[in-house]
């Protein structure tokens, strides 16, 4: 065995070891703690999550047009809109999907997402929805959103059962200071 082969083999072994010790965390086991300043510090940077796609052109979204739940416009540029259960990923959460060039920001929610850890990615048309399909992806959370802002947006919408469920989940997390 040549010196180059030994180095190459050692590099492969180190890479395999590092990948088995990655900071990827199953979302169900992740915890976030409140610091004295009220900020959330997460014990993981990466999560493996289920993703789907949605669009403003779908029948159940037509009445909202290109508006998002946070009061802005759905985005599909370098920064793109995403929807989630805000008691899991609060409004304003910014993340990147490994292997993708875009940044996503949670600015929307959907009734089908409540009670799940699924993230719905905004696409401007049916072709984008079909192309994305359903994928389990690794995401890196760049900045956690705000439970306080989520509650402020949702407070007048609790006549919808899915919104009420998110509000209850957010309130429980804010009370304990731990996100799971």
C-alpha atoms as a PDB file:
ATOM      1  CA  UNK A   1       0.000   0.000   0.000  1.00  0.00           C
ATOM      2  CA  UNK A   2       1.418   3.362  -0.991  1.00  0.00           C
ATOM      3  CA  UNK A   3       1.590   6.407   1.223  1.00  0.00           C
ATOM      4  CA  UNK A   4      -1.133   8.126  -0.894  1.00  0.00           C
ATOM      5  CA  UNK A   5      -3.455   5.150  -0.470  1.00  0.00           C
ATOM      6  CA  UNK A   6      -2.961   5.212   3.319  1.00  0.00           C
ATOM      7  CA  UNK A   7      -3.730   8.961   3.433  1.00  0.00           C
ATOM      8  CA  UNK A   8      -6.796   8.504   1.221  1.00  0.00           C
ATOM      9  CA  UNK A   9      -8.046   5.616   3.370  1.00  0.00           C
ATOM     10  CA  UNK A  10      -7.473   7.638   6.567  1.00  0.00           C
ATOM     11  CA  UNK A  11      -9.374  10.600   5.078  1.00  0.00           C
ATOM     12  CA  UNK A  12     -12.331   8.357   4.278  1.00  0.00           C
ATOM     13  CA  UNK A  13     -12.301   6.914   7.808  1.00  0.00           C
ATOM     14  CA  UNK A  14     -12.185  10.378   9.409  1.00  0.00           C
ATOM     15  CA  UNK A  15     -15.029  11.610   7.182  1.00  0.00           C
ATOM     16  CA  UNK A  16     -17.127   8.558   8.129  1.00  0.00           C
ATOM     17  CA  UNK A  17     -16.418   9.145  11.820  1.00  0.00           C
ATOM     18  CA  UNK A  18     -17.313  12.833  11.600  1.00  0.00           C
ATOM     19  CA  UNK A  19     -20.544  12.112   9.739  1.00  0.00           C
ATOM     20  CA  UNK A  20     -21.593   9.613  12.404  1.00  0.00           C
ATOM     21  CA  UNK A  21     -20.971  12.303  15.039  1.00  0.00           C
ATOM     22  CA  UNK A  22     -22.772  15.100  13.211  1.00  0.00           C
ATOM     23  CA  UNK A  23     -24.914  17.637  14.994  1.00  0.00           C
ATOM     24  CA  UNK A  24     -28.039  16.511  13.163  1.00  0.00           C
ATOM     25  CA  UNK A  25     -30.872  16.087  15.608  1.00  0.00           C
ATOM     26  CA  UNK A  26     -34.251  14.504  15.156  1.00  0.00           C
ATOM     27  CA  UNK A  27     -36.661  17.354  15.755  1.00  0.00           C
ATOM     28  CA  UNK A  28     -38.520  15.337  18.386  1.00  0.00           C
ATOM     29  CA  UNK A  29     -35.427  15.188  20.628  1.00  0.00           C
ATOM     30  CA  UNK A  30     -34.271  18.798  20.232  1.00  0.00           C
ATOM     31  CA  UNK A  31     -34.600  21.217  23.117  1.00  0.00           C
ATOM     32  CA  UNK A  32     -34.376  24.990  23.320  1.00  0.00           C
ATOM     33  CA  UNK A  33     -33.764  26.821  26.562  1.00  0.00           C
ATOM     34  CA  UNK A  34     -34.465  30.426  27.498  1.00  0.00           C
ATOM     35  CA  UNK A  35     -31.442  32.429  28.575  1.00  0.00           C
ATOM     36  CA  UNK A  36     -31.613  35.304  31.064  1.00  0.00           C
ATOM     37  CA  UNK A  37     -31.983  37.686  28.125  1.00  0.00           C
ATOM     38  CA  UNK A  38     -34.975  35.732  26.825  1.00  0.00           C
ATOM     39  CA  UNK A  39     -33.138  34.357  23.789  1.00  0.00           C
ATOM     40  CA  UNK A  40     -33.470  30.750  22.703  1.00  0.00           C
ATOM     41  CA  UNK A  41     -30.325  28.633  22.487  1.00  0.00           C
ATOM     42  CA  UNK A  42     -30.803  25.392  20.620  1.00  0.00           C
ATOM     43  CA  UNK A  43     -28.748  22.258  21.198  1.00  0.00           C
ATOM     44  CA  UNK A  44     -28.623  21.487  17.483  1.00  0.00           C
ATOM     45  CA  UNK A  45     -28.050  23.394  14.296  1.00  0.00           C
ATOM     46  CA  UNK A  46     -29.430  20.782  11.957  1.00  0.00           C
ATOM     47  CA  UNK A  47     -32.701  18.882  11.755  1.00  0.00           C
ATOM     48  CA  UNK A  48     -34.056  16.252   9.430  1.00  0.00           C
ATOM     49  CA  UNK A  49     -37.610  17.254   8.523  1.00  0.00           C
ATOM     50  CA  UNK A  50     -40.340  16.243   6.108  1.00  0.00           C
ATOM     51  CA  UNK A  51     -41.046  18.886   3.481  1.00  0.00           C
ATOM     52  CA  UNK A  52     -43.883  19.356   1.043  1.00  0.00           C
ATOM     53  CA  UNK A  53     -44.744  22.208  -1.335  1.00  0.00           C
ATOM     54  CA  UNK A  54     -47.711  24.560  -1.686  1.00  0.00           C
ATOM     55  CA  UNK A  55     -48.761  27.465  -3.881  1.00  0.00           C
ATOM     56  CA  UNK A  56     -51.139  30.400  -3.927  1.00  0.00           C
ATOM     57  CA  UNK A  57     -52.727  28.849  -7.061  1.00  0.00           C
ATOM     58  CA  UNK A  58     -54.130  25.839  -5.174  1.00  0.00           C
ATOM     59  CA  UNK A  59     -57.897  25.870  -4.650  1.00  0.00           C
ATOM     60  CA  UNK A  60     -57.736  26.215  -0.851  1.00  0.00           C
ATOM     61  CA  UNK A  61     -55.271  29.143  -1.138  1.00  0.00           C
ATOM     62  CA  UNK A  62     -56.999  31.223  -3.813  1.00  0.00           C
ATOM     63  CA  UNK A  63     -58.832  33.435  -1.317  1.00  0.00           C
ATOM     64  CA  UNK A  64     -55.504  34.571   0.192  1.00  0.00           C
ATOM     65  CA  UNK A  65     -53.785  35.357  -3.118  1.00  0.00           C
ATOM     66  CA  UNK A  66     -50.062  35.901  -2.656  1.00  0.00           C
ATOM     67  CA  UNK A  67     -50.534  37.057   0.935  1.00  0.00           C
ATOM     68  CA  UNK A  68     -48.899  35.140   3.768  1.00  0.00           C
ATOM     69  CA  UNK A  69     -50.169  34.663   7.323  1.00  0.00           C
ATOM     70  CA  UNK A  70     -47.612  37.111   8.708  1.00  0.00           C
ATOM     71  CA  UNK A  71     -49.176  39.946   6.695  1.00  0.00           C
ATOM     72  CA  UNK A  72     -46.647  40.150   3.864  1.00  0.00           C
ATOM     73  CA  UNK A  73     -46.318  38.674   0.392  1.00  0.00           C
ATOM     74  CA  UNK A  74     -45.222  35.125  -0.380  1.00  0.00           C
ATOM     75  CA  UNK A  75     -41.580  35.164  -1.522  1.00  0.00           C
ATOM     76  CA  UNK A  76     -39.830  33.058  -4.162  1.00  0.00           C
ATOM     77  CA  UNK A  77     -36.447  34.691  -4.758  1.00  0.00           C
ATOM     78  CA  UNK A  78     -33.177  34.072  -2.978  1.00  0.00           C
ATOM     79  CA  UNK A  79     -35.262  34.220   0.224  1.00  0.00           C
ATOM     80  CA  UNK A  80     -38.356  32.036  -0.026  1.00  0.00           C
ATOM     81  CA  UNK A  81     -41.507  31.607   2.016  1.00  0.00           C
ATOM     82  CA  UNK A  82     -42.208  28.520   4.079  1.00  0.00           C
ATOM     83  CA  UNK A  83     -45.172  27.418   6.176  1.00  0.00           C
ATOM     84  CA  UNK A  84     -45.106  25.386   9.371  1.00  0.00           C
ATOM     85  CA  UNK A  85     -46.849  24.748  12.636  1.00  0.00           C
ATOM     86  CA  UNK A  86     -45.746  27.906  14.465  1.00  0.00           C
ATOM     87  CA  UNK A  87     -45.548  26.008  17.749  1.00  0.00           C
ATOM     88  CA  UNK A  88     -42.741  23.961  16.146  1.00  0.00           C
ATOM     89  CA  UNK A  89     -41.046  26.557  13.912  1.00  0.00           C
ATOM     90  CA  UNK A  90     -42.290  30.014  14.977  1.00  0.00           C
ATOM     91  CA  UNK A  91     -42.867  32.859  12.528  1.00  0.00           C
ATOM     92  CA  UNK A  92     -39.577  34.414  11.454  1.00  0.00           C
ATOM     93  CA  UNK A  93     -37.553  31.197  11.646  1.00  0.00           C
ATOM     94  CA  UNK A  94     -34.894  31.307   8.928  1.00  0.00           C
ATOM     95  CA  UNK A  95     -33.352  28.103   7.605  1.00  0.00           C
ATOM     96  CA  UNK A  96     -31.406  26.635   4.723  1.00  0.00           C
ATOM     97  CA  UNK A  97     -31.931  23.236   3.135  1.00  0.00           C
ATOM     98  CA  UNK A  98     -28.679  21.356   2.760  1.00  0.00           C
ATOM     99  CA  UNK A  99     -27.644  21.249  -0.893  1.00  0.00           C
ATOM    100  CA  UNK A 100     -30.006  24.056  -1.939  1.00  0.00           C
ATOM    101  CA  UNK A 101     -28.877  27.652  -2.620  1.00  0.00           C
ATOM    102  CA  UNK A 102     -31.946  29.394  -1.183  1.00  0.00           C
ATOM    103  CA  UNK A 103     -32.794  30.682   2.278  1.00  0.00           C
ATOM    104  CA  UNK A 104     -36.314  30.051   3.633  1.00  0.00           C
ATOM    105  CA  UNK A 105     -38.266  32.096   6.140  1.00  0.00           C
ATOM    106  CA  UNK A 106     -41.342  30.859   7.983  1.00  0.00           C
ATOM    107  CA  UNK A 107     -44.055  33.442   7.276  1.00  0.00           C
ATOM    108  CA  UNK A 108     -47.076  31.230   6.725  1.00  0.00           C
ATOM    109  CA  UNK A 109     -48.949  28.304   8.256  1.00  0.00           C
ATOM    110  CA  UNK A 110     -51.500  25.786   7.073  1.00  0.00           C
ATOM    111  CA  UNK A 111     -54.163  23.767   8.859  1.00  0.00           C
ATOM    112  CA  UNK A 112     -52.695  20.477   7.585  1.00  0.00           C
ATOM    113  CA  UNK A 113     -49.312  21.325   9.146  1.00  0.00           C
ATOM    114  CA  UNK A 114     -50.589  21.832  12.680  1.00  0.00           C
ATOM    115  CA  UNK A 115     -49.578  18.968  14.934  1.00  0.00           C
ATOM    116  CA  UNK A 116     -46.804  17.902  12.532  1.00  0.00           C
ATOM    117  CA  UNK A 117     -43.156  18.749  12.114  1.00  0.00           C
ATOM    118  CA  UNK A 118     -43.603  19.166   8.344  1.00  0.00           C
ATOM    119  CA  UNK A 119     -42.435  22.320   6.574  1.00  0.00           C
ATOM    120  CA  UNK A 120     -44.335  23.409   3.454  1.00  0.00           C
ATOM    121  CA  UNK A 121     -42.190  25.269   0.889  1.00  0.00           C
ATOM    122  CA  UNK A 122     -43.800  27.954  -1.270  1.00  0.00           C
ATOM    123  CA  UNK A 123     -43.725  27.402  -5.043  1.00  0.00           C
ATOM    124  CA  UNK A 124     -45.289  29.879  -7.497  1.00  0.00           C
ATOM    125  CA  UNK A 125     -47.009  27.223  -9.642  1.00  0.00           C
ATOM    126  CA  UNK A 126     -48.226  23.622  -9.880  1.00  0.00           C
ATOM    127  CA  UNK A 127     -45.073  22.550 -11.731  1.00  0.00           C
ATOM    128  CA  UNK A 128     -42.962  23.587  -8.728  1.00  0.00           C
ATOM    129  CA  UNK A 129     -45.211  21.657  -6.350  1.00  0.00           C
ATOM    130  CA  UNK A 130     -45.023  18.537  -8.486  1.00  0.00           C
ATOM    131  CA  UNK A 131     -41.266  18.839  -8.962  1.00  0.00           C
ATOM    132  CA  UNK A 132     -40.633  19.148  -5.211  1.00  0.00           C
ATOM    133  CA  UNK A 133     -43.063  16.431  -4.127  1.00  0.00           C
ATOM    134  CA  UNK A 134     -42.425  15.164  -0.609  1.00  0.00           C
ATOM    135  CA  UNK A 135     -38.851  15.060   0.636  1.00  0.00           C
ATOM    136  CA  UNK A 136     -37.107  14.403   3.902  1.00  0.00           C
ATOM    137  CA  UNK A 137     -34.325  16.969   4.028  1.00  0.00           C
ATOM    138  CA  UNK A 138     -31.655  18.193   6.385  1.00  0.00           C
ATOM    139  CA  UNK A 139     -32.098  21.831   7.339  1.00  0.00           C
ATOM    140  CA  UNK A 140     -29.857  24.232   9.188  1.00  0.00           C
ATOM    141  CA  UNK A 141     -31.714  26.766  11.314  1.00  0.00           C
ATOM    142  CA  UNK A 142     -29.929  30.079  10.835  1.00  0.00           C
ATOM    143  CA  UNK A 143     -32.201  32.057  13.167  1.00  0.00           C
ATOM    144  CA  UNK A 144     -35.107  30.981  15.347  1.00  0.00           C
ATOM    145  CA  UNK A 145     -38.319  32.919  14.970  1.00  0.00           C
ATOM    146  CA  UNK A 146     -40.393  34.439  17.755  1.00  0.00           C
ATOM    147  CA  UNK A 147     -43.124  32.739  19.759  1.00  0.00           C
ATOM    148  CA  UNK A 148     -44.193  36.189  21.003  1.00  0.00           C
ATOM    149  CA  UNK A 149     -44.641  37.484  17.454  1.00  0.00           C
ATOM    150  CA  UNK A 150     -46.428  34.252  16.487  1.00  0.00           C
ATOM    151  CA  UNK A 151     -48.909  34.740  19.351  1.00  0.00           C
ATOM    152  CA  UNK A 152     -49.463  38.387  18.444  1.00  0.00           C
ATOM    153  CA  UNK A 153     -50.392  37.390  14.886  1.00  0.00           C
ATOM    154  CA  UNK A 154     -52.540  34.411  15.906  1.00  0.00           C
ATOM    155  CA  UNK A 155     -54.443  35.909  18.880  1.00  0.00           C
ATOM    156  CA  UNK A 156     -57.402  37.167  16.839  1.00  0.00           C
ATOM    157  CA  UNK A 157     -57.635  33.984  14.752  1.00  0.00           C
ATOM    158  CA  UNK A 158     -58.353  31.442  17.482  1.00  0.00           C
ATOM    159  CA  UNK A 159     -61.892  30.795  16.234  1.00  0.00           C
ATOM    160  CA  UNK A 160     -60.158  28.341  13.858  1.00  0.00           C
ATOM    161  CA  UNK A 161     -59.367  25.064  15.647  1.00  0.00           C
ATOM    162  CA  UNK A 162     -55.930  24.654  14.036  1.00  0.00           C
ATOM    163  CA  UNK A 163     -54.922  28.160  15.136  1.00  0.00           C
ATOM    164  CA  UNK A 164     -56.176  27.471  18.656  1.00  0.00           C
ATOM    165  CA  UNK A 165     -54.020  24.324  18.724  1.00  0.00           C
ATOM    166  CA  UNK A 166     -50.918  26.312  17.674  1.00  0.00           C
ATOM    167  CA  UNK A 167     -51.607  28.991  20.288  1.00  0.00           C
ATOM    168  CA  UNK A 168     -51.949  26.351  23.016  1.00  0.00           C
ATOM    169  CA  UNK A 169     -48.678  24.718  21.935  1.00  0.00           C
ATOM    170  CA  UNK A 170     -46.837  28.044  21.872  1.00  0.00           C
ATOM    171  CA  UNK A 171     -48.174  29.049  25.299  1.00  0.00           C
ATOM    172  CA  UNK A 172     -47.033  25.724  26.795  1.00  0.00           C
ATOM    173  CA  UNK A 173     -43.543  26.167  25.364  1.00  0.00           C
ATOM    174  CA  UNK A 174     -43.290  29.740  26.547  1.00  0.00           C
ATOM    175  CA  UNK A 175     -44.363  28.667  30.035  1.00  0.00           C
ATOM    176  CA  UNK A 176     -41.716  25.955  30.321  1.00  0.00           C
ATOM    177  CA  UNK A 177     -39.026  27.688  28.272  1.00  0.00           C
ATOM    178  CA  UNK A 178     -38.333  24.413  26.452  1.00  0.00           C
ATOM    179  CA  UNK A 179     -39.141  23.588  22.837  1.00  0.00           C
ATOM    180  CA  UNK A 180     -39.413  19.978  21.776  1.00  0.00           C
END
